[in-house]
Full PDB file with SEQRES, HELIX, SHEET, SSBOND, CRYST1, ORIGX, SCALE, CONECT and MASTER records, all heavy atoms in Angstrom:
SEQRES   1 A   34  TRP LYS GLU PHE SER GLN LEU GLY ARG ASP VAL PRO ILE          
SEQRES   2 A   34  LEU ILE PHE VAL ILE TRP ALA PHE THR GLY ALA VAL TYR          
SEQRES   3 A   34  THR GLY GLY HIS GLY ILE ALA THR                              
HELIX    1 AA1 LYS A    2  ARG A    9  1                                   8    
HELIX    2 AA2 VAL A   11  ILE A   18  1                                   8    
HELIX    3 AA3 TRP A   19  GLY A   23  3                                   5    
HELIX    4 AA4 ALA A   24  GLY A   29  1                                   6    
CRYST1    1.000    1.000    1.000  90.00  90.00  90.00 P 1           1          
ORIGX1      1.000000  0.000000  0.000000        0.00000                         
ORIGX2      0.000000  1.000000  0.000000        0.00000                         
ORIGX3      0.000000  0.000000  1.000000        0.00000                         
SCALE1      1.000000  0.000000  0.000000        0.00000                         
SCALE2      0.000000  1.000000  0.000000        0.00000                         
SCALE3      0.000000  0.000000  1.000000        0.00000                         
ATOM      1  N   TRP A   1     -14.806   4.868  -2.505  1.00  0.00           N  
ATOM      2  CA  TRP A   1     -14.092   6.082  -2.118  1.00  0.00           C  
ATOM      3  C   TRP A   1     -13.911   6.145  -0.605  1.00  0.00           C  
ATOM      4  O   TRP A   1     -12.846   6.500  -0.100  1.00  0.00           O  
ATOM      5  CB  TRP A   1     -14.833   7.317  -2.626  1.00  0.00           C  
ATOM      6  CG  TRP A   1     -14.191   8.583  -2.176  1.00  0.00           C  
ATOM      7  CD1 TRP A   1     -14.606   9.422  -1.192  1.00  0.00           C  
ATOM      8  CD2 TRP A   1     -12.973   9.134  -2.682  1.00  0.00           C  
ATOM      9  NE1 TRP A   1     -13.749  10.465  -1.047  1.00  0.00           N  
ATOM     10  CE2 TRP A   1     -12.723  10.306  -1.965  1.00  0.00           C  
ATOM     11  CE3 TRP A   1     -12.080   8.745  -3.671  1.00  0.00           C  
ATOM     12  CZ2 TRP A   1     -11.610  11.101  -2.194  1.00  0.00           C  
ATOM     13  CZ3 TRP A   1     -10.980   9.543  -3.904  1.00  0.00           C  
ATOM     14  CH2 TRP A   1     -10.746  10.699  -3.175  1.00  0.00           C  
ATOM     15  N   LYS A   2     -14.960   5.810   0.145  1.00  0.00           N  
ATOM     16  CA  LYS A   2     -14.893   5.830   1.610  1.00  0.00           C  
ATOM     17  C   LYS A   2     -13.849   4.848   2.116  1.00  0.00           C  
ATOM     18  O   LYS A   2     -13.056   5.172   3.007  1.00  0.00           O  
ATOM     19  CB  LYS A   2     -16.247   5.485   2.224  1.00  0.00           C  
ATOM     20  CG  LYS A   2     -16.214   5.461   3.745  1.00  0.00           C  
ATOM     21  CD  LYS A   2     -17.378   4.714   4.352  1.00  0.00           C  
ATOM     22  CE  LYS A   2     -17.264   3.249   4.267  1.00  0.00           C  
ATOM     23  NZ  LYS A   2     -16.528   2.549   5.306  1.00  0.00           N  
ATOM     24  N   GLU A   3     -13.802   3.646   1.562  1.00  0.00           N  
ATOM     25  CA  GLU A   3     -12.850   2.635   2.015  1.00  0.00           C  
ATOM     26  C   GLU A   3     -11.404   3.045   1.731  1.00  0.00           C  
ATOM     27  O   GLU A   3     -10.528   2.873   2.560  1.00  0.00           O  
ATOM     28  CB  GLU A   3     -13.156   1.279   1.376  1.00  0.00           C  
ATOM     29  CG  GLU A   3     -14.439   0.643   1.873  1.00  0.00           C  
ATOM     30  CD  GLU A   3     -14.411   0.355   3.365  1.00  0.00           C  
ATOM     31  OE1 GLU A   3     -13.358  -0.005   3.905  1.00  0.00           O  
ATOM     32  OE2 GLU A   3     -15.480   0.492   3.983  1.00  0.00           O  
ATOM     33  N   PHE A   4     -11.169   3.602   0.550  1.00  0.00           N  
ATOM     34  CA  PHE A   4      -9.808   4.033   0.227  1.00  0.00           C  
ATOM     35  C   PHE A   4      -9.384   5.233   1.059  1.00  0.00           C  
ATOM     36  O   PHE A   4      -8.225   5.347   1.453  1.00  0.00           O  
ATOM     37  CB  PHE A   4      -9.662   4.319  -1.269  1.00  0.00           C  
ATOM     38  CG  PHE A   4      -9.386   3.087  -2.067  1.00  0.00           C  
ATOM     39  CD1 PHE A   4     -10.357   2.561  -2.904  1.00  0.00           C  
ATOM     40  CD2 PHE A   4      -8.163   2.434  -1.970  1.00  0.00           C  
ATOM     41  CE1 PHE A   4     -10.111   1.410  -3.633  1.00  0.00           C  
ATOM     42  CE2 PHE A   4      -7.912   1.285  -2.694  1.00  0.00           C  
ATOM     43  CZ  PHE A   4      -8.886   0.776  -3.528  1.00  0.00           C  
ATOM     44  N   SER A   5     -10.308   6.147   1.350  1.00  0.00           N  
ATOM     45  CA  SER A   5      -9.953   7.285   2.199  1.00  0.00           C  
ATOM     46  C   SER A   5      -9.687   6.825   3.631  1.00  0.00           C  
ATOM     47  O   SER A   5      -8.786   7.333   4.300  1.00  0.00           O  
ATOM     48  CB  SER A   5     -11.042   8.350   2.168  1.00  0.00           C  
ATOM     49  OG  SER A   5     -12.235   7.862   2.738  1.00  0.00           O  
ATOM     50  N   GLN A   6     -10.431   5.845   4.112  1.00  0.00           N  
ATOM     51  CA  GLN A   6     -10.194   5.292   5.443  1.00  0.00           C  
ATOM     52  C   GLN A   6      -8.851   4.566   5.483  1.00  0.00           C  
ATOM     53  O   GLN A   6      -8.118   4.666   6.455  1.00  0.00           O  
ATOM     54  CB  GLN A   6     -11.318   4.331   5.825  1.00  0.00           C  
ATOM     55  CG  GLN A   6     -11.228   3.812   7.239  1.00  0.00           C  
ATOM     56  CD  GLN A   6     -11.425   4.911   8.264  1.00  0.00           C  
ATOM     57  OE1 GLN A   6     -12.138   5.870   8.031  1.00  0.00           O  
ATOM     58  NE2 GLN A   6     -10.774   4.783   9.392  1.00  0.00           N  
ATOM     59  N   LEU A   7      -8.510   3.850   4.416  1.00  0.00           N  
ATOM     60  CA  LEU A   7      -7.218   3.167   4.337  1.00  0.00           C  
ATOM     61  C   LEU A   7      -6.078   4.169   4.378  1.00  0.00           C  
ATOM     62  O   LEU A   7      -5.041   3.918   4.997  1.00  0.00           O  
ATOM     63  CB  LEU A   7      -7.157   2.324   3.062  1.00  0.00           C  
ATOM     64  CG  LEU A   7      -5.863   1.544   2.830  1.00  0.00           C  
ATOM     65  CD1 LEU A   7      -5.708   0.453   3.869  1.00  0.00           C  
ATOM     66  CD2 LEU A   7      -5.861   0.947   1.438  1.00  0.00           C  
ATOM     67  N   GLY A   8      -6.237   5.310   3.755  1.00  0.00           N  
ATOM     68  CA  GLY A   8      -5.202   6.342   3.760  1.00  0.00           C  
ATOM     69  C   GLY A   8      -4.971   6.932   5.137  1.00  0.00           C  
ATOM     70  O   GLY A   8      -3.888   7.415   5.442  1.00  0.00           O  
ATOM     71  N   ARG A   9      -5.978   6.906   6.002  1.00  0.00           N  
ATOM     72  CA  ARG A   9      -5.839   7.446   7.354  1.00  0.00           C  
ATOM     73  C   ARG A   9      -5.224   6.451   8.330  1.00  0.00           C  
ATOM     74  O   ARG A   9      -4.705   6.847   9.365  1.00  0.00           O  
ATOM     75  CB  ARG A   9      -7.209   7.867   7.884  1.00  0.00           C  
ATOM     76  CG  ARG A   9      -7.714   9.123   7.261  1.00  0.00           C  
ATOM     77  CD  ARG A   9      -9.005   9.574   7.942  1.00  0.00           C  
ATOM     78  NE  ARG A   9      -9.895  10.054   6.898  1.00  0.00           N  
ATOM     79  CZ  ARG A   9     -11.108   9.602   6.665  1.00  0.00           C  
ATOM     80  NH1 ARG A   9     -11.625   8.687   7.438  1.00  0.00           N  
ATOM     81  NH2 ARG A   9     -11.825  10.087   5.683  1.00  0.00           N  
ATOM     82  N   ASP A  10      -5.296   5.173   8.027  1.00  0.00           N  
ATOM     83  CA  ASP A  10      -4.785   4.130   8.928  1.00  0.00           C  
ATOM     84  C   ASP A  10      -3.383   3.737   8.472  1.00  0.00           C  
ATOM     85  O   ASP A  10      -3.202   2.844   7.644  1.00  0.00           O  
ATOM     86  CB  ASP A  10      -5.733   2.933   8.902  1.00  0.00           C  
ATOM     87  CG  ASP A  10      -5.489   1.982  10.048  1.00  0.00           C  
ATOM     88  OD1 ASP A  10      -4.581   2.235  10.854  1.00  0.00           O  
ATOM     89  OD2 ASP A  10      -6.218   0.974  10.129  1.00  0.00           O  
ATOM     90  N   VAL A  11      -2.368   4.386   9.038  1.00  0.00           N  
ATOM     91  CA  VAL A  11      -0.992   4.223   8.583  1.00  0.00           C  
ATOM     92  C   VAL A  11      -0.464   2.796   8.762  1.00  0.00           C  
ATOM     93  O   VAL A  11       0.145   2.256   7.833  1.00  0.00           O  
ATOM     94  CB  VAL A  11      -0.078   5.259   9.277  1.00  0.00           C  
ATOM     95  CG1 VAL A  11       1.377   5.044   8.902  1.00  0.00           C  
ATOM     96  CG2 VAL A  11      -0.517   6.660   8.901  1.00  0.00           C  
ATOM     97  N   PRO A  12      -0.663   2.135   9.903  1.00  0.00           N  
ATOM     98  CA  PRO A  12      -0.135   0.755  10.015  1.00  0.00           C  
ATOM     99  C   PRO A  12      -0.716  -0.203   8.978  1.00  0.00           C  
ATOM    100  O   PRO A  12       0.010  -1.015   8.402  1.00  0.00           O  
ATOM    101  CB  PRO A  12      -0.523   0.330  11.430  1.00  0.00           C  
ATOM    102  CG  PRO A  12      -0.679   1.592  12.187  1.00  0.00           C  
ATOM    103  CD  PRO A  12      -1.195   2.583  11.196  1.00  0.00           C  
ATOM    104  N   ILE A  13      -2.003  -0.111   8.721  1.00  0.00           N  
ATOM    105  CA  ILE A  13      -2.611  -0.974   7.707  1.00  0.00           C  
ATOM    106  C   ILE A  13      -2.075  -0.631   6.329  1.00  0.00           C  
ATOM    107  O   ILE A  13      -1.816  -1.520   5.511  1.00  0.00           O  
ATOM    108  CB  ILE A  13      -4.154  -0.846   7.746  1.00  0.00           C  
ATOM    109  CG1 ILE A  13      -4.700  -1.359   9.064  1.00  0.00           C  
ATOM    110  CG2 ILE A  13      -4.794  -1.575   6.579  1.00  0.00           C  
ATOM    111  CD1 ILE A  13      -4.575  -2.838   9.272  1.00  0.00           C  
ATOM    112  N   LEU A  14      -1.882   0.656   6.058  1.00  0.00           N  
ATOM    113  CA  LEU A  14      -1.351   1.079   4.769  1.00  0.00           C  
ATOM    114  C   LEU A  14       0.065   0.535   4.559  1.00  0.00           C  
ATOM    115  O   LEU A  14       0.389   0.043   3.476  1.00  0.00           O  
ATOM    116  CB  LEU A  14      -1.356   2.604   4.675  1.00  0.00           C  
ATOM    117  CG  LEU A  14      -0.971   3.208   3.345  1.00  0.00           C  
ATOM    118  CD1 LEU A  14      -1.937   2.762   2.261  1.00  0.00           C  
ATOM    119  CD2 LEU A  14      -0.946   4.719   3.444  1.00  0.00           C  
ATOM    120  N   ILE A  15       0.890   0.586   5.587  1.00  0.00           N  
ATOM    121  CA  ILE A  15       2.246   0.027   5.497  1.00  0.00           C  
ATOM    122  C   ILE A  15       2.181  -1.473   5.243  1.00  0.00           C  
ATOM    123  O   ILE A  15       2.923  -2.010   4.417  1.00  0.00           O  
ATOM    124  CB  ILE A  15       3.053   0.353   6.769  1.00  0.00           C  
ATOM    125  CG1 ILE A  15       3.340   1.852   6.813  1.00  0.00           C  
ATOM    126  CG2 ILE A  15       4.340  -0.446   6.825  1.00  0.00           C  
ATOM    127  CD1 ILE A  15       3.935   2.319   8.108  1.00  0.00           C  
ATOM    128  N   PHE A  16       1.289  -2.165   5.935  1.00  0.00           N  
ATOM    129  CA  PHE A  16       1.147  -3.605   5.728  1.00  0.00           C  
ATOM    130  C   PHE A  16       0.712  -3.928   4.307  1.00  0.00           C  
ATOM    131  O   PHE A  16       1.227  -4.856   3.684  1.00  0.00           O  
ATOM    132  CB  PHE A  16       0.156  -4.194   6.734  1.00  0.00           C  
ATOM    133  CG  PHE A  16      -0.120  -5.645   6.497  1.00  0.00           C  
ATOM    134  CD1 PHE A  16       0.819  -6.594   6.853  1.00  0.00           C  
ATOM    135  CD2 PHE A  16      -1.296  -6.053   5.896  1.00  0.00           C  
ATOM    136  CE1 PHE A  16       0.584  -7.939   6.612  1.00  0.00           C  
ATOM    137  CE2 PHE A  16      -1.541  -7.392   5.655  1.00  0.00           C  
ATOM    138  CZ  PHE A  16      -0.595  -8.334   6.020  1.00  0.00           C  
ATOM    139  N   VAL A  17      -0.242  -3.175   3.781  1.00  0.00           N  
ATOM    140  CA  VAL A  17      -0.725  -3.426   2.421  1.00  0.00           C  
ATOM    141  C   VAL A  17       0.382  -3.183   1.405  1.00  0.00           C  
ATOM    142  O   VAL A  17       0.572  -3.974   0.470  1.00  0.00           O  
ATOM    143  CB  VAL A  17      -1.968  -2.554   2.121  1.00  0.00           C  
ATOM    144  CG1 VAL A  17      -2.302  -2.546   0.650  1.00  0.00           C  
ATOM    145  CG2 VAL A  17      -3.150  -3.041   2.937  1.00  0.00           C  
ATOM    146  N   ILE A  18       1.140  -2.108   1.600  1.00  0.00           N  
ATOM    147  CA  ILE A  18       2.255  -1.833   0.683  1.00  0.00           C  
ATOM    148  C   ILE A  18       3.277  -2.957   0.757  1.00  0.00           C  
ATOM    149  O   ILE A  18       3.786  -3.421  -0.268  1.00  0.00           O  
ATOM    150  CB  ILE A  18       2.875  -0.460   0.999  1.00  0.00           C  
ATOM    151  CG1 ILE A  18       1.894   0.641   0.600  1.00  0.00           C  
ATOM    152  CG2 ILE A  18       4.202  -0.286   0.272  1.00  0.00           C  
ATOM    153  CD1 ILE A  18       2.302   2.014   1.063  1.00  0.00           C  
ATOM    154  N   TRP A  19       3.598  -3.413   1.967  1.00  0.00           N  
ATOM    155  CA  TRP A  19       4.553  -4.523   2.110  1.00  0.00           C  
ATOM    156  C   TRP A  19       4.013  -5.791   1.449  1.00  0.00           C  
ATOM    157  O   TRP A  19       4.741  -6.494   0.749  1.00  0.00           O  
ATOM    158  CB  TRP A  19       4.866  -4.798   3.569  1.00  0.00           C  
ATOM    159  CG  TRP A  19       5.534  -6.120   3.771  1.00  0.00           C  
ATOM    160  CD1 TRP A  19       4.997  -7.240   4.302  1.00  0.00           C  
ATOM    161  CD2 TRP A  19       6.870  -6.474   3.385  1.00  0.00           C  
ATOM    162  NE1 TRP A  19       5.899  -8.266   4.285  1.00  0.00           N  
ATOM    163  CE2 TRP A  19       7.065  -7.821   3.726  1.00  0.00           C  
ATOM    164  CE3 TRP A  19       7.910  -5.784   2.782  1.00  0.00           C  
ATOM    165  CZ2 TRP A  19       8.246  -8.482   3.496  1.00  0.00           C  
ATOM    166  CZ3 TRP A  19       9.092  -6.451   2.557  1.00  0.00           C  
ATOM    167  CH2 TRP A  19       9.255  -7.788   2.912  1.00  0.00           C  
ATOM    168  N   ALA A  20       2.749  -6.085   1.662  1.00  0.00           N  
ATOM    169  CA  ALA A  20       2.186  -7.328   1.134  1.00  0.00           C  
ATOM    170  C   ALA A  20       2.209  -7.360  -0.384  1.00  0.00           C  
ATOM    171  O   ALA A  20       2.419  -8.425  -0.975  1.00  0.00           O  
ATOM    172  CB  ALA A  20       0.757  -7.501   1.646  1.00  0.00           C  
ATOM    173  N   PHE A  21       2.011  -6.220  -1.016  1.00  0.00           N  
ATOM    174  CA  PHE A  21       1.930  -6.214  -2.472  1.00  0.00           C  
ATOM    175  C   PHE A  21       3.226  -5.829  -3.172  1.00  0.00           C  
ATOM    176  O   PHE A  21       3.311  -5.931  -4.381  1.00  0.00           O  
ATOM    177  CB  PHE A  21       0.794  -5.305  -2.938  1.00  0.00           C  
ATOM    178  CG  PHE A  21      -0.546  -5.881  -2.636  1.00  0.00           C  
ATOM    179  CD1 PHE A  21      -1.323  -5.358  -1.621  1.00  0.00           C  
ATOM    180  CD2 PHE A  21      -1.022  -6.977  -3.334  1.00  0.00           C  
ATOM    181  CE1 PHE A  21      -2.558  -5.900  -1.322  1.00  0.00           C  
ATOM    182  CE2 PHE A  21      -2.251  -7.519  -3.045  1.00  0.00           C  
ATOM    183  CZ  PHE A  21      -3.026  -6.986  -2.046  1.00  0.00           C  
ATOM    184  N   THR A  22       4.220  -5.364  -2.425  1.00  0.00           N  
ATOM    185  CA  THR A  22       5.491  -5.018  -3.068  1.00  0.00           C  
ATOM    186  C   THR A  22       6.660  -5.757  -2.425  1.00  0.00           C  
ATOM    187  O   THR A  22       7.384  -6.472  -3.099  1.00  0.00           O  
ATOM    188  CB  THR A  22       5.752  -3.507  -3.013  1.00  0.00           C  
ATOM    189  OG1 THR A  22       5.738  -3.075  -1.651  1.00  0.00           O  
ATOM    190  CG2 THR A  22       4.737  -2.738  -3.814  1.00  0.00           C  
ATOM    191  N   GLY A  23       6.847  -5.568  -1.137  1.00  0.00           N  
ATOM    192  CA  GLY A  23       8.003  -6.153  -0.457  1.00  0.00           C  
ATOM    193  C   GLY A  23       7.999  -7.662  -0.460  1.00  0.00           C  
ATOM    194  O   GLY A  23       9.015  -8.299  -0.738  1.00  0.00           O  
ATOM    195  N   ALA A  24       6.864  -8.258  -0.164  1.00  0.00           N  
ATOM    196  CA  ALA A  24       6.804  -9.719  -0.130  1.00  0.00           C  
ATOM    197  C   ALA A  24       6.985 -10.313  -1.517  1.00  0.00           C  
ATOM    198  O   ALA A  24       7.649 -11.344  -1.684  1.00  0.00           O  
ATOM    199  CB  ALA A  24       5.470 -10.170   0.471  1.00  0.00           C  
ATOM    200  N   VAL A  25       6.436  -9.657  -2.512  1.00  0.00           N  
ATOM    201  CA  VAL A  25       6.597 -10.143  -3.886  1.00  0.00           C  
ATOM    202  C   VAL A  25       8.064 -10.008  -4.322  1.00  0.00           C  
ATOM    203  O   VAL A  25       8.633 -10.900  -4.943  1.00  0.00           O  
ATOM    204  CB  VAL A  25       5.651  -9.381  -4.845  1.00  0.00           C  
ATOM    205  CG1 VAL A  25       5.951  -9.720  -6.285  1.00  0.00           C  
ATOM    206  CG2 VAL A  25       4.210  -9.696  -4.500  1.00  0.00           C  
ATOM    207  N   TYR A  26       8.693  -8.891  -3.972  1.00  0.00           N  
ATOM    208  CA  TYR A  26      10.096  -8.665  -4.345  1.00  0.00           C  
ATOM    209  C   TYR A  26      11.015  -9.688  -3.676  1.00  0.00           C  
ATOM    210  O   TYR A  26      11.854 -10.298  -4.334  1.00  0.00           O  
ATOM    211  CB  TYR A  26      10.525  -7.248  -3.957  1.00  0.00           C  
ATOM    212  CG  TYR A  26      11.956  -6.954  -4.280  1.00  0.00           C  
ATOM    213  CD1 TYR A  26      12.340  -6.621  -5.571  1.00  0.00           C  
ATOM    214  CD2 TYR A  26      12.937  -7.019  -3.303  1.00  0.00           C  
ATOM    215  CE1 TYR A  26      13.660  -6.359  -5.882  1.00  0.00           C  
ATOM    216  CE2 TYR A  26      14.264  -6.760  -3.600  1.00  0.00           C  
ATOM    217  CZ  TYR A  26      14.607  -6.426  -4.891  1.00  0.00           C  
ATOM    218  OH  TYR A  26      15.916  -6.173  -5.184  1.00  0.00           O  
ATOM    219  N   THR A  27      10.866  -9.891  -2.366  1.00  0.00           N  
ATOM    220  CA  THR A  27      11.737 -10.843  -1.673  1.00  0.00           C  
ATOM    221  C   THR A  27      11.482 -12.267  -2.138  1.00  0.00           C  
ATOM    222  O   THR A  27      12.412 -13.061  -2.252  1.00  0.00           O  
ATOM    223  CB  THR A  27      11.559 -10.763  -0.145  1.00  0.00           C  
ATOM    224  OG1 THR A  27      10.191 -11.004   0.186  1.00  0.00           O  
ATOM    225  CG2 THR A  27      12.002  -9.424   0.390  1.00  0.00           C  
ATOM    226  N   GLY A  28      10.240 -12.601  -2.430  1.00  0.00           N  
ATOM    227  CA  GLY A  28       9.944 -13.941  -2.935  1.00  0.00           C  
ATOM    228  C   GLY A  28      10.475 -14.158  -4.334  1.00  0.00           C  
ATOM    229  O   GLY A  28      10.982 -15.226  -4.673  1.00  0.00           O  
ATOM    230  N   GLY A  29      10.397 -13.137  -5.157  1.00  0.00           N  
ATOM    231  CA  GLY A  29      10.862 -13.257  -6.537  1.00  0.00           C  
ATOM    232  C   GLY A  29      12.369 -13.289  -6.672  1.00  0.00           C  
ATOM    233  O   GLY A  29      12.911 -13.895  -7.591  1.00  0.00           O  
ATOM    234  N   HIS A  30      13.068 -12.649  -5.756  1.00  0.00           N  
ATOM    235  CA  HIS A  30      14.524 -12.606  -5.829  1.00  0.00           C  
ATOM    236  C   HIS A  30      15.184 -13.668  -4.951  1.00  0.00           C  
ATOM    237  O   HIS A  30      16.412 -13.699  -4.854  1.00  0.00           O  
ATOM    238  CB  HIS A  30      15.039 -11.222  -5.446  1.00  0.00           C  
ATOM    239  CG  HIS A  30      14.805 -10.207  -6.521  1.00  0.00           C  
ATOM    240  ND1 HIS A  30      15.583 -10.125  -7.632  1.00  0.00           N  
ATOM    241  CD2 HIS A  30      13.843  -9.269  -6.666  1.00  0.00           C  
ATOM    242  CE1 HIS A  30      15.138  -9.165  -8.410  1.00  0.00           C  
ATOM    243  NE2 HIS A  30      14.058  -8.633  -7.838  1.00  0.00           N  
ATOM    244  N   GLY A  31      14.404 -14.481  -4.321  1.00  0.00           N  
ATOM    245  CA  GLY A  31      14.954 -15.575  -3.529  1.00  0.00           C  
ATOM    246  C   GLY A  31      15.643 -15.125  -2.257  1.00  0.00           C  
ATOM    247  O   GLY A  31      16.563 -15.784  -1.773  1.00  0.00           O  
ATOM    248  N   ILE A  32      15.238 -13.997  -1.704  1.00  0.00           N  
ATOM    249  CA  ILE A  32      15.828 -13.506  -0.464  1.00  0.00           C  
ATOM    250  C   ILE A  32      15.218 -14.293   0.689  1.00  0.00           C  
ATOM    251  O   ILE A  32      14.000 -14.350   0.849  1.00  0.00           O  
ATOM    252  CB  ILE A  32      15.572 -11.999  -0.298  1.00  0.00           C  
ATOM    253  CG1 ILE A  32      16.232 -11.238  -1.444  1.00  0.00           C  
ATOM    254  CG2 ILE A  32      16.074 -11.506   1.048  1.00  0.00           C  
ATOM    255  CD1 ILE A  32      15.881  -9.767  -1.489  1.00  0.00           C  
ATOM    256  N   ALA A  33      16.064 -14.906   1.484  1.00  0.00           N  
ATOM    257  CA  ALA A  33      15.581 -15.727   2.597  1.00  0.00           C  
ATOM    258  C   ALA A  33      15.098 -14.836   3.736  1.00  0.00           C  
ATOM    259  O   ALA A  33      15.763 -13.879   4.113  1.00  0.00           O  
ATOM    260  CB  ALA A  33      16.692 -16.635   3.090  1.00  0.00           C  
ATOM    261  N   THR A  34      13.940 -15.159   4.272  1.00  0.00           N  
ATOM    262  CA  THR A  34      13.410 -14.424   5.410  1.00  0.00           C  
ATOM    263  C   THR A  34      13.412 -15.275   6.673  1.00  0.00           C  
ATOM    264  O   THR A  34      12.879 -14.857   7.690  1.00  0.00           O  
ATOM    265  CB  THR A  34      11.982 -13.941   5.115  1.00  0.00           C  
ATOM    266  OG1 THR A  34      11.170 -15.066   4.775  1.00  0.00           O  
ATOM    267  CG2 THR A  34      11.969 -12.934   3.979  1.00  0.00           C  
TER     268      THR A  34                                                      
MASTER        0    0    0    4    0    0    0    6  267    1    0    3          
END                                                                             
């Protein structure tokens, strides 16, 4: 609980985690060149 609440307060890390688990998977799966 403490770790997840701390993650919610750290906006840059939260954005990175969301990108790593959604954006990177989406661009890799659809063959979008980066």
